[in-house]
Amino acid sequence: LSKSNTALALYLLSTTVFDLGTDGQKSLFQNLTGFTFQRSALYSVLPPVAEAYTVYVNTSQFKQSLHVPPNVQLDSLRPKVALMLSKDFFTDIQEKLRSALDYQNILLYTGQVDALFPSTNFRKYFSTLKWTKKKEFEKAERNTWSTCGDPHGVSGYIESITNFSYAVVLRAGHHTTLDEPSSVYHL
C-alpha cells in the first residue's frame, strides 16, 4: 500500500496513529487512550509550556521580528505539509544512513517515553542495519550519563563507538528538548 499510494497510506496513519485529523477528527490512538497529545507517554494533553509557546509565537510582535506575515498561524499548515511530504515517510533511506554512520560523526538521541518513535525500536533497527561498525556498536557498553546538578541523578543511557553515539534521554518523550532541555544541552 505505501509504495503504490502514499497519500492513502498517510491518511491511514493520520487516522490511526498521528494526530493530523481535521475538523476535530481524533485518531484511533486518541480514541483508545484518551490522549489528545500522543507524542509522549508523559502527557495526555499538550503541556502548558508548549501551549504558552504556541501563544507567544503567534503574537504579532514575534511574527514581525521574524518577518512572518501577520495572518500566518503556527502549526495551521501541519496536515498540508505532512501530505506534501507523504512520499518521504515511505522512502528507504538505509543506504544514506549506512553512509552517514560509516563516514560522519553522529549523535542520535531519543526520549525514553517517546510514543511515536520508541527508543527500543531504534536499538532494534541498528541491530538489523548492515553497516561497517555494526559489530563494534553491538559490543558497546551501555553507560549512564548525567548533567551537573541534575536533581534526578542519571540523565540517560548512552552507547558510543568511534564516530557514533546513541543516547536515551530519561524522563523525555518525542520532544526531548521540551521535556529535558538541560540533559539534551549537555549531551
N, C-alpha and C. Protein backbone atom coordinates (compact mmCIF):
# COMPACT_ATOMS: atom_id res chain seq x y z
N LEU A 1 0.83 -1.20 0.00
CA LEU A 1 0.00 0.00 0.00
C LEU A 1 0.87 1.25 0.00
N SER A 2 1.90 1.30 0.87
CA SER A 2 2.67 2.54 1.00
C SER A 2 3.42 2.88 -0.28
N LYS A 3 3.86 1.89 -1.04
CA LYS A 3 4.59 2.17 -2.28
C LYS A 3 3.66 2.54 -3.42
N SER A 4 2.45 2.02 -3.39
CA SER A 4 1.54 2.28 -4.51
C SER A 4 0.68 3.52 -4.30
N ASN A 5 0.40 3.87 -3.07
CA ASN A 5 -0.46 5.02 -2.83
C ASN A 5 -0.07 5.68 -1.51
N THR A 6 0.94 6.52 -1.57
CA THR A 6 1.45 7.15 -0.35
C THR A 6 0.42 8.07 0.30
N ALA A 7 -0.40 8.73 -0.49
CA ALA A 7 -1.41 9.62 0.09
C ALA A 7 -2.40 8.83 0.94
N LEU A 8 -2.84 7.67 0.44
CA LEU A 8 -3.77 6.84 1.20
C LEU A 8 -3.09 6.28 2.45
N ALA A 9 -1.84 5.86 2.31
CA ALA A 9 -1.11 5.33 3.47
C ALA A 9 -0.96 6.40 4.54
N LEU A 10 -0.65 7.62 4.14
CA LEU A 10 -0.53 8.72 5.11
C LEU A 10 -1.88 9.00 5.76
N TYR A 11 -2.94 8.96 4.99
CA TYR A 11 -4.27 9.17 5.55
C TYR A 11 -4.56 8.12 6.62
N LEU A 12 -4.23 6.86 6.32
CA LEU A 12 -4.47 5.79 7.29
C LEU A 12 -3.63 6.00 8.55
N LEU A 13 -2.38 6.43 8.38
CA LEU A 13 -1.54 6.75 9.54
C LEU A 13 -2.15 7.89 10.35
N SER A 14 -2.64 8.90 9.65
CA SER A 14 -3.19 10.07 10.34
C SER A 14 -4.46 9.74 11.12
N THR A 15 -5.21 8.76 10.67
CA THR A 15 -6.45 8.41 11.36
C THR A 15 -6.24 7.34 12.43
N THR A 16 -5.08 6.68 12.42
CA THR A 16 -4.82 5.65 13.43
C THR A 16 -3.78 6.08 14.45
N VAL A 17 -2.68 6.67 14.00
CA VAL A 17 -1.56 6.97 14.89
C VAL A 17 -1.36 8.47 15.08
N PHE A 18 -1.08 9.18 14.01
CA PHE A 18 -0.74 10.60 14.11
C PHE A 18 -1.98 11.43 14.41
N ASP A 19 -1.77 12.61 14.97
CA ASP A 19 -2.91 13.50 15.24
C ASP A 19 -3.00 14.56 14.15
N LEU A 20 -3.24 14.10 12.94
CA LEU A 20 -3.33 15.01 11.79
C LEU A 20 -4.77 15.18 11.32
N GLY A 21 -5.70 14.73 12.12
CA GLY A 21 -7.11 14.83 11.73
C GLY A 21 -7.56 16.27 11.58
N THR A 22 -8.50 16.48 10.71
CA THR A 22 -9.05 17.82 10.52
C THR A 22 -10.44 17.89 11.12
N ASP A 23 -10.91 19.07 11.35
CA ASP A 23 -12.26 19.31 11.87
C ASP A 23 -12.53 18.53 13.17
N GLY A 24 -11.51 18.45 14.03
CA GLY A 24 -11.69 17.79 15.32
C GLY A 24 -11.69 16.28 15.27
N GLN A 25 -11.39 15.70 14.12
CA GLN A 25 -11.36 14.24 13.98
C GLN A 25 -10.21 13.68 14.81
N LYS A 26 -10.50 12.71 15.68
CA LYS A 26 -9.48 12.10 16.53
C LYS A 26 -8.93 10.85 15.87
N SER A 27 -7.66 10.56 16.15
CA SER A 27 -7.04 9.34 15.63
C SER A 27 -7.50 8.15 16.48
N LEU A 28 -7.27 6.95 15.99
CA LEU A 28 -7.59 5.74 16.74
C LEU A 28 -6.83 5.75 18.06
N PHE A 29 -5.55 6.14 18.02
CA PHE A 29 -4.74 6.23 19.23
C PHE A 29 -5.41 7.14 20.26
N GLN A 30 -5.87 8.29 19.82
CA GLN A 30 -6.52 9.23 20.73
C GLN A 30 -7.82 8.65 21.30
N ASN A 31 -8.59 7.98 20.46
CA ASN A 31 -9.85 7.38 20.92
C ASN A 31 -9.61 6.25 21.92
N LEU A 32 -8.57 5.44 21.70
CA LEU A 32 -8.31 4.31 22.58
C LEU A 32 -7.68 4.71 23.90
N THR A 33 -6.83 5.75 23.88
CA THR A 33 -6.08 6.11 25.09
C THR A 33 -6.65 7.30 25.84
N GLY A 34 -7.41 8.14 25.16
CA GLY A 34 -7.88 9.38 25.77
C GLY A 34 -6.85 10.49 25.69
N PHE A 35 -5.68 10.19 25.15
CA PHE A 35 -4.63 11.20 24.99
C PHE A 35 -4.98 12.10 23.82
N THR A 36 -4.89 13.39 24.01
CA THR A 36 -5.04 14.31 22.88
C THR A 36 -3.67 14.74 22.38
N PHE A 37 -2.63 14.42 23.13
CA PHE A 37 -1.24 14.73 22.79
C PHE A 37 -0.49 13.42 22.87
N GLN A 38 -0.25 12.77 21.72
CA GLN A 38 0.28 11.42 21.78
C GLN A 38 1.78 11.30 21.55
N ARG A 39 2.50 12.38 21.48
CA ARG A 39 3.92 12.28 21.19
C ARG A 39 4.73 11.79 22.38
N SER A 40 4.14 11.77 23.53
CA SER A 40 4.87 11.39 24.73
C SER A 40 3.93 10.69 25.69
N ALA A 41 4.44 9.65 26.32
CA ALA A 41 3.65 8.98 27.35
C ALA A 41 3.60 9.81 28.62
N LEU A 42 4.35 10.91 28.66
CA LEU A 42 4.37 11.79 29.84
C LEU A 42 3.12 12.66 29.94
N TYR A 43 2.52 12.98 28.81
CA TYR A 43 1.41 13.93 28.80
C TYR A 43 0.22 13.37 28.02
N SER A 44 -0.96 13.54 28.58
CA SER A 44 -2.16 13.17 27.82
C SER A 44 -2.72 14.37 27.08
N VAL A 45 -2.27 15.56 27.47
CA VAL A 45 -2.65 16.81 26.80
C VAL A 45 -1.38 17.60 26.53
N LEU A 46 -1.49 18.58 25.68
CA LEU A 46 -0.34 19.44 25.39
C LEU A 46 0.11 20.12 26.68
N PRO A 47 1.41 20.03 27.01
CA PRO A 47 1.90 20.65 28.25
C PRO A 47 1.68 22.16 28.24
N PRO A 48 1.42 22.76 29.40
CA PRO A 48 1.19 24.21 29.48
C PRO A 48 2.31 25.04 28.87
N VAL A 49 3.56 24.62 29.05
CA VAL A 49 4.67 25.39 28.48
C VAL A 49 4.62 25.38 26.95
N ALA A 50 4.17 24.27 26.37
CA ALA A 50 4.04 24.20 24.91
C ALA A 50 2.88 25.08 24.44
N GLU A 51 1.82 25.11 25.20
CA GLU A 51 0.70 25.99 24.86
C GLU A 51 1.12 27.45 24.94
N ALA A 52 1.89 27.80 25.98
CA ALA A 52 2.38 29.17 26.14
C ALA A 52 3.29 29.55 24.98
N TYR A 53 4.11 28.61 24.54
CA TYR A 53 4.99 28.84 23.39
C TYR A 53 4.16 29.12 22.14
N THR A 54 3.14 28.31 21.92
CA THR A 54 2.28 28.48 20.75
C THR A 54 1.62 29.86 20.76
N VAL A 55 1.13 30.26 21.92
CA VAL A 55 0.52 31.59 22.04
C VAL A 55 1.56 32.67 21.73
N TYR A 56 2.76 32.53 22.29
CA TYR A 56 3.81 33.54 22.10
C TYR A 56 4.22 33.68 20.64
N VAL A 57 4.47 32.55 19.96
CA VAL A 57 4.94 32.65 18.57
C VAL A 57 3.85 33.09 17.61
N ASN A 58 2.62 33.13 18.08
CA ASN A 58 1.54 33.64 17.24
C ASN A 58 1.23 35.11 17.52
N THR A 59 2.02 35.75 18.39
CA THR A 59 1.82 37.18 18.64
C THR A 59 2.37 37.99 17.47
N SER A 60 1.78 39.13 17.24
CA SER A 60 2.24 39.98 16.13
C SER A 60 3.67 40.45 16.34
N GLN A 61 4.05 40.70 17.59
CA GLN A 61 5.42 41.14 17.87
C GLN A 61 6.44 40.07 17.45
N PHE A 62 6.19 38.83 17.82
CA PHE A 62 7.10 37.74 17.45
C PHE A 62 7.16 37.56 15.94
N LYS A 63 6.00 37.52 15.31
CA LYS A 63 5.95 37.35 13.85
C LYS A 63 6.68 38.48 13.14
N GLN A 64 6.48 39.69 13.61
CA GLN A 64 7.13 40.84 12.98
C GLN A 64 8.65 40.73 13.11
N SER A 65 9.14 40.26 14.25
CA SER A 65 10.58 40.15 14.45
C SER A 65 11.22 39.14 13.50
N LEU A 66 10.43 38.17 13.04
CA LEU A 66 10.93 37.16 12.09
C LEU A 66 10.44 37.39 10.67
N HIS A 67 9.75 38.51 10.45
CA HIS A 67 9.22 38.86 9.13
C HIS A 67 8.22 37.82 8.62
N VAL A 68 7.42 37.30 9.53
CA VAL A 68 6.37 36.35 9.19
C VAL A 68 5.08 37.15 8.99
N PRO A 69 4.34 36.89 7.92
CA PRO A 69 3.09 37.61 7.70
C PRO A 69 2.15 37.48 8.91
N PRO A 70 1.45 38.54 9.26
CA PRO A 70 0.60 38.52 10.45
C PRO A 70 -0.54 37.51 10.40
N ASN A 71 -0.98 37.11 9.22
CA ASN A 71 -2.10 36.17 9.12
C ASN A 71 -1.67 34.70 9.23
N VAL A 72 -0.39 34.41 9.30
CA VAL A 72 0.10 33.03 9.40
C VAL A 72 -0.01 32.56 10.85
N GLN A 73 -0.60 31.38 11.04
CA GLN A 73 -0.73 30.79 12.37
C GLN A 73 0.21 29.60 12.48
N LEU A 74 1.00 29.57 13.55
CA LEU A 74 1.90 28.45 13.78
C LEU A 74 1.11 27.15 13.79
N ASP A 75 1.59 26.18 13.09
CA ASP A 75 1.03 24.83 13.07
C ASP A 75 -0.25 24.69 12.26
N SER A 76 -0.75 25.76 11.66
CA SER A 76 -2.00 25.66 10.92
C SER A 76 -1.87 24.84 9.64
N LEU A 77 -0.66 24.76 9.12
CA LEU A 77 -0.46 24.04 7.86
C LEU A 77 0.11 22.64 8.06
N ARG A 78 0.20 22.19 9.30
CA ARG A 78 0.82 20.89 9.58
C ARG A 78 0.20 19.74 8.78
N PRO A 79 -1.12 19.59 8.72
CA PRO A 79 -1.68 18.50 7.92
C PRO A 79 -1.31 18.62 6.43
N LYS A 80 -1.32 19.83 5.91
CA LYS A 80 -0.98 20.03 4.50
C LYS A 80 0.50 19.71 4.24
N VAL A 81 1.37 20.15 5.13
CA VAL A 81 2.80 19.87 4.99
C VAL A 81 3.04 18.36 5.06
N ALA A 82 2.38 17.69 6.00
CA ALA A 82 2.52 16.24 6.12
C ALA A 82 2.09 15.54 4.83
N LEU A 83 1.02 16.01 4.23
CA LEU A 83 0.56 15.43 2.97
C LEU A 83 1.59 15.67 1.87
N MET A 84 2.14 16.89 1.81
CA MET A 84 3.13 17.21 0.78
C MET A 84 4.41 16.37 0.95
N LEU A 85 4.71 15.99 2.17
CA LEU A 85 5.91 15.19 2.44
C LEU A 85 5.60 13.69 2.54
N SER A 86 4.39 13.31 2.18
CA SER A 86 3.96 11.93 2.39
C SER A 86 4.87 10.90 1.74
N LYS A 87 5.42 11.20 0.58
CA LYS A 87 6.31 10.23 -0.06
C LYS A 87 7.57 10.01 0.75
N ASP A 88 8.00 11.04 1.48
CA ASP A 88 9.20 10.90 2.31
C ASP A 88 9.00 9.92 3.46
N PHE A 89 7.77 9.76 3.93
CA PHE A 89 7.51 8.82 5.00
C PHE A 89 7.85 7.39 4.57
N PHE A 90 7.77 7.13 3.29
CA PHE A 90 7.92 5.77 2.78
C PHE A 90 9.15 5.59 1.90
N THR A 91 10.10 6.50 2.00
CA THR A 91 11.32 6.43 1.21
C THR A 91 12.38 5.67 2.00
N ASP A 92 12.98 4.67 1.38
CA ASP A 92 14.02 3.89 2.03
C ASP A 92 15.31 4.71 2.08
N ILE A 93 15.78 4.99 3.28
CA ILE A 93 17.00 5.79 3.44
C ILE A 93 18.15 4.97 4.03
N GLN A 94 18.03 3.64 3.98
CA GLN A 94 19.05 2.79 4.58
C GLN A 94 20.44 3.07 4.03
N GLU A 95 20.56 3.22 2.72
CA GLU A 95 21.88 3.45 2.13
C GLU A 95 22.47 4.77 2.60
N LYS A 96 21.65 5.80 2.66
CA LYS A 96 22.13 7.11 3.15
C LYS A 96 22.52 7.02 4.62
N LEU A 97 21.73 6.31 5.40
CA LEU A 97 22.04 6.16 6.82
C LEU A 97 23.32 5.36 7.01
N ARG A 98 23.48 4.28 6.26
CA ARG A 98 24.72 3.49 6.34
C ARG A 98 25.93 4.36 6.03
N SER A 99 25.83 5.14 4.98
CA SER A 99 26.93 6.02 4.60
C SER A 99 27.23 7.03 5.71
N ALA A 100 26.19 7.61 6.27
CA ALA A 100 26.38 8.57 7.36
C ALA A 100 27.03 7.90 8.57
N LEU A 101 26.56 6.72 8.93
CA LEU A 101 27.12 6.01 10.08
C LEU A 101 28.57 5.61 9.85
N ASP A 102 28.93 5.34 8.62
CA ASP A 102 30.30 4.94 8.30
C ASP A 102 31.27 6.12 8.23
N TYR A 103 30.79 7.29 7.81
CA TYR A 103 31.73 8.37 7.49
C TYR A 103 31.52 9.68 8.24
N GLN A 104 30.46 9.80 9.03
CA GLN A 104 30.19 11.06 9.72
C GLN A 104 30.24 10.85 11.24
N ASN A 105 30.38 11.92 11.96
CA ASN A 105 30.25 11.88 13.42
C ASN A 105 28.79 12.16 13.75
N ILE A 106 28.17 11.23 14.47
CA ILE A 106 26.73 11.32 14.71
C ILE A 106 26.41 11.12 16.18
N LEU A 107 25.56 11.99 16.69
CA LEU A 107 24.93 11.80 17.99
C LEU A 107 23.44 11.69 17.73
N LEU A 108 22.87 10.56 18.07
CA LEU A 108 21.43 10.35 17.94
C LEU A 108 20.86 10.18 19.34
N TYR A 109 19.85 10.95 19.65
CA TYR A 109 19.22 10.78 20.96
C TYR A 109 17.71 10.67 20.79
N THR A 110 17.12 9.90 21.68
CA THR A 110 15.68 9.71 21.68
C THR A 110 15.16 9.83 23.10
N GLY A 111 13.89 10.13 23.23
CA GLY A 111 13.27 10.19 24.54
C GLY A 111 12.87 8.80 25.01
N GLN A 112 13.05 8.56 26.28
CA GLN A 112 12.74 7.26 26.87
C GLN A 112 11.28 6.87 26.67
N VAL A 113 10.38 7.84 26.70
CA VAL A 113 8.95 7.53 26.60
C VAL A 113 8.32 8.19 25.37
N ASP A 114 9.07 8.19 24.27
CA ASP A 114 8.56 8.71 23.00
C ASP A 114 7.55 7.71 22.47
N ALA A 115 6.31 8.14 22.36
CA ALA A 115 5.24 7.25 21.91
C ALA A 115 5.22 7.07 20.39
N LEU A 116 5.80 8.01 19.64
CA LEU A 116 5.82 7.89 18.18
C LEU A 116 6.99 7.05 17.69
N PHE A 117 8.17 7.30 18.26
CA PHE A 117 9.37 6.58 17.85
C PHE A 117 10.06 6.03 19.10
N PRO A 118 9.57 4.91 19.63
CA PRO A 118 10.12 4.37 20.87
C PRO A 118 11.62 4.07 20.77
N SER A 119 12.33 4.38 21.85
CA SER A 119 13.78 4.20 21.85
C SER A 119 14.18 2.74 21.62
N THR A 120 13.38 1.81 22.10
CA THR A 120 13.71 0.39 21.89
C THR A 120 13.68 0.02 20.41
N ASN A 121 12.83 0.68 19.64
CA ASN A 121 12.77 0.39 18.20
C ASN A 121 14.03 0.86 17.49
N PHE A 122 14.60 1.99 17.93
CA PHE A 122 15.85 2.45 17.33
C PHE A 122 16.95 1.43 17.57
N ARG A 123 17.06 0.93 18.79
CA ARG A 123 18.11 -0.03 19.12
C ARG A 123 17.95 -1.29 18.27
N LYS A 124 16.72 -1.76 18.12
CA LYS A 124 16.47 -2.94 17.29
C LYS A 124 16.85 -2.67 15.84
N TYR A 125 16.52 -1.47 15.36
CA TYR A 125 16.82 -1.12 13.98
C TYR A 125 18.33 -1.17 13.72
N PHE A 126 19.12 -0.64 14.64
CA PHE A 126 20.57 -0.65 14.45
C PHE A 126 21.13 -2.07 14.44
N SER A 127 20.45 -3.00 15.09
CA SER A 127 20.93 -4.39 15.06
C SER A 127 20.59 -5.08 13.74
N THR A 128 19.63 -4.54 12.98
CA THR A 128 19.29 -5.14 11.69
C THR A 128 19.99 -4.45 10.52
N LEU A 129 20.43 -3.22 10.73
CA LEU A 129 21.07 -2.45 9.67
C LEU A 129 22.47 -3.00 9.40
N LYS A 130 22.82 -3.18 8.14
CA LYS A 130 24.15 -3.68 7.78
C LYS A 130 25.07 -2.49 7.53
N TRP A 131 25.96 -2.22 8.50
CA TRP A 131 26.92 -1.13 8.37
C TRP A 131 28.26 -1.61 8.89
N THR A 132 29.32 -0.95 8.50
CA THR A 132 30.67 -1.46 8.79
C THR A 132 31.00 -1.53 10.27
N LYS A 133 30.36 -0.72 11.09
CA LYS A 133 30.69 -0.70 12.51
C LYS A 133 29.59 -1.36 13.36
N LYS A 134 28.78 -2.18 12.72
CA LYS A 134 27.66 -2.82 13.42
C LYS A 134 28.15 -3.67 14.59
N LYS A 135 29.15 -4.50 14.37
CA LYS A 135 29.64 -5.38 15.44
C LYS A 135 30.25 -4.57 16.58
N GLU A 136 30.96 -3.52 16.22
CA GLU A 136 31.55 -2.65 17.25
C GLU A 136 30.44 -2.02 18.10
N PHE A 137 29.37 -1.59 17.45
CA PHE A 137 28.26 -0.97 18.18
C PHE A 137 27.55 -1.99 19.06
N GLU A 138 27.38 -3.21 18.55
CA GLU A 138 26.72 -4.25 19.34
C GLU A 138 27.50 -4.59 20.60
N LYS A 139 28.83 -4.41 20.57
CA LYS A 139 29.67 -4.69 21.73
C LYS A 139 29.82 -3.48 22.66
N ALA A 140 29.35 -2.33 22.23
CA ALA A 140 29.50 -1.11 23.04
C ALA A 140 28.73 -1.24 24.35
N GLU A 141 29.35 -0.76 25.41
CA GLU A 141 28.69 -0.79 26.71
C GLU A 141 27.64 0.30 26.80
N ARG A 142 26.59 -0.02 27.51
CA ARG A 142 25.55 0.98 27.78
C ARG A 142 25.90 1.62 29.12
N ASN A 143 26.20 2.90 29.08
CA ASN A 143 26.60 3.62 30.28
C ASN A 143 25.56 4.66 30.65
N THR A 144 25.52 4.99 31.93
CA THR A 144 24.67 6.08 32.36
C THR A 144 25.43 7.39 32.15
N TRP A 145 24.71 8.46 32.00
CA TRP A 145 25.32 9.78 31.94
C TRP A 145 24.43 10.73 32.72
N SER A 146 25.03 11.79 33.20
CA SER A 146 24.26 12.76 33.98
C SER A 146 24.78 14.16 33.72
N THR A 147 23.98 15.12 34.09
CA THR A 147 24.38 16.52 33.95
C THR A 147 24.71 17.06 35.34
N CYS A 148 25.53 18.04 35.37
CA CYS A 148 25.92 18.67 36.63
C CYS A 148 24.68 19.27 37.30
N GLY A 149 24.44 18.88 38.51
CA GLY A 149 23.32 19.44 39.25
C GLY A 149 21.96 18.85 38.93
N ASP A 150 21.92 17.76 38.17
CA ASP A 150 20.63 17.14 37.85
C ASP A 150 20.03 16.56 39.12
N PRO A 151 18.86 17.03 39.53
CA PRO A 151 18.27 16.53 40.77
C PRO A 151 17.87 15.05 40.71
N HIS A 152 17.76 14.50 39.50
CA HIS A 152 17.38 13.10 39.34
C HIS A 152 18.58 12.16 39.36
N GLY A 153 19.79 12.70 39.28
CA GLY A 153 20.99 11.86 39.22
C GLY A 153 21.30 11.47 37.79
N VAL A 154 20.77 10.37 37.35
CA VAL A 154 21.03 9.87 35.99
C VAL A 154 20.14 10.60 34.99
N SER A 155 20.76 11.09 33.91
CA SER A 155 20.01 11.79 32.86
C SER A 155 19.61 10.87 31.73
N GLY A 156 20.37 9.78 31.56
CA GLY A 156 20.05 8.86 30.49
C GLY A 156 21.10 7.77 30.34
N TYR A 157 21.00 7.06 29.23
CA TYR A 157 21.92 5.98 28.91
C TYR A 157 22.55 6.30 27.56
N ILE A 158 23.82 5.92 27.41
CA ILE A 158 24.50 6.21 26.15
C ILE A 158 25.39 5.04 25.76
N GLU A 159 25.40 4.75 24.48
CA GLU A 159 26.29 3.75 23.89
C GLU A 159 27.11 4.48 22.84
N SER A 160 28.43 4.33 22.91
CA SER A 160 29.30 5.08 21.99
C SER A 160 30.35 4.19 21.36
N ILE A 161 30.61 4.47 20.09
CA ILE A 161 31.75 3.90 19.37
C ILE A 161 32.48 5.06 18.71
N THR A 162 33.44 4.78 17.87
CA THR A 162 34.32 5.80 17.32
C THR A 162 33.62 7.06 16.83
N ASN A 163 32.66 6.95 15.96
CA ASN A 163 32.04 8.16 15.41
C ASN A 163 30.52 8.21 15.61
N PHE A 164 30.01 7.37 16.51
CA PHE A 164 28.57 7.30 16.69
C PHE A 164 28.23 7.10 18.16
N SER A 165 27.30 7.91 18.63
CA SER A 165 26.78 7.76 19.99
C SER A 165 25.26 7.74 19.92
N TYR A 166 24.68 6.81 20.65
CA TYR A 166 23.22 6.71 20.74
C TYR A 166 22.83 6.88 22.20
N ALA A 167 22.03 7.90 22.47
CA ALA A 167 21.63 8.20 23.84
C ALA A 167 20.11 8.11 24.00
N VAL A 168 19.69 7.61 25.14
CA VAL A 168 18.29 7.61 25.52
C VAL A 168 18.16 8.60 26.67
N VAL A 169 17.36 9.63 26.48
CA VAL A 169 17.17 10.66 27.48
C VAL A 169 16.01 10.26 28.39
N LEU A 170 16.31 10.09 29.67
CA LEU A 170 15.27 9.70 30.63
C LEU A 170 14.29 10.85 30.86
N ARG A 171 13.08 10.49 31.23
CA ARG A 171 12.01 11.46 31.52
C ARG A 171 11.69 12.36 30.34
N ALA A 172 11.86 11.84 29.12
CA ALA A 172 11.59 12.64 27.92
C ALA A 172 10.78 11.83 26.92
N GLY A 173 9.90 12.54 26.23
CA GLY A 173 9.09 11.94 25.18
C GLY A 173 9.61 12.34 23.81
N HIS A 174 8.71 12.52 22.87
CA HIS A 174 9.08 12.85 21.50
C HIS A 174 9.79 14.19 21.39
N HIS A 175 9.41 15.13 22.21
CA HIS A 175 10.05 16.45 22.21
C HIS A 175 11.04 16.51 23.37
N THR A 176 12.18 15.86 23.17
CA THR A 176 13.16 15.74 24.26
C THR A 176 13.65 17.09 24.76
N THR A 177 13.81 18.04 23.86
CA THR A 177 14.31 19.35 24.29
C THR A 177 13.28 20.10 25.12
N LEU A 178 12.02 19.79 24.95
CA LEU A 178 10.97 20.39 25.78
C LEU A 178 10.95 19.72 27.15
N ASP A 179 11.06 18.40 27.18
CA ASP A 179 10.95 17.65 28.42
C ASP A 179 12.21 17.73 29.29
N GLU A 180 13.37 17.65 28.67
CA GLU A 180 14.64 17.63 29.40
C GLU A 180 15.67 18.52 28.70
N PRO A 181 15.45 19.83 28.66
CA PRO A 181 16.36 20.71 27.92
C PRO A 181 17.80 20.68 28.42
N SER A 182 17.99 20.61 29.72
CA SER A 182 19.35 20.60 30.26
C SER A 182 20.09 19.33 29.87
N SER A 183 19.40 18.20 29.92
CA SER A 183 20.03 16.93 29.55
C SER A 183 20.47 16.93 28.10
N VAL A 184 19.60 17.41 27.22
CA VAL A 184 19.94 17.44 25.79
C VAL A 184 21.07 18.42 25.54
N TYR A 185 21.03 19.56 26.18
CA TYR A 185 22.09 20.56 26.02
C TYR A 185 23.46 19.98 26.40
N HIS A 186 23.50 19.20 27.46
CA HIS A 186 24.77 18.66 27.93
C HIS A 186 25.22 17.41 27.19
N LEU A 187 24.40 16.88 26.33
CA LEU A 187 24.84 15.73 25.54
C LEU A 187 26.00 16.15 24.66
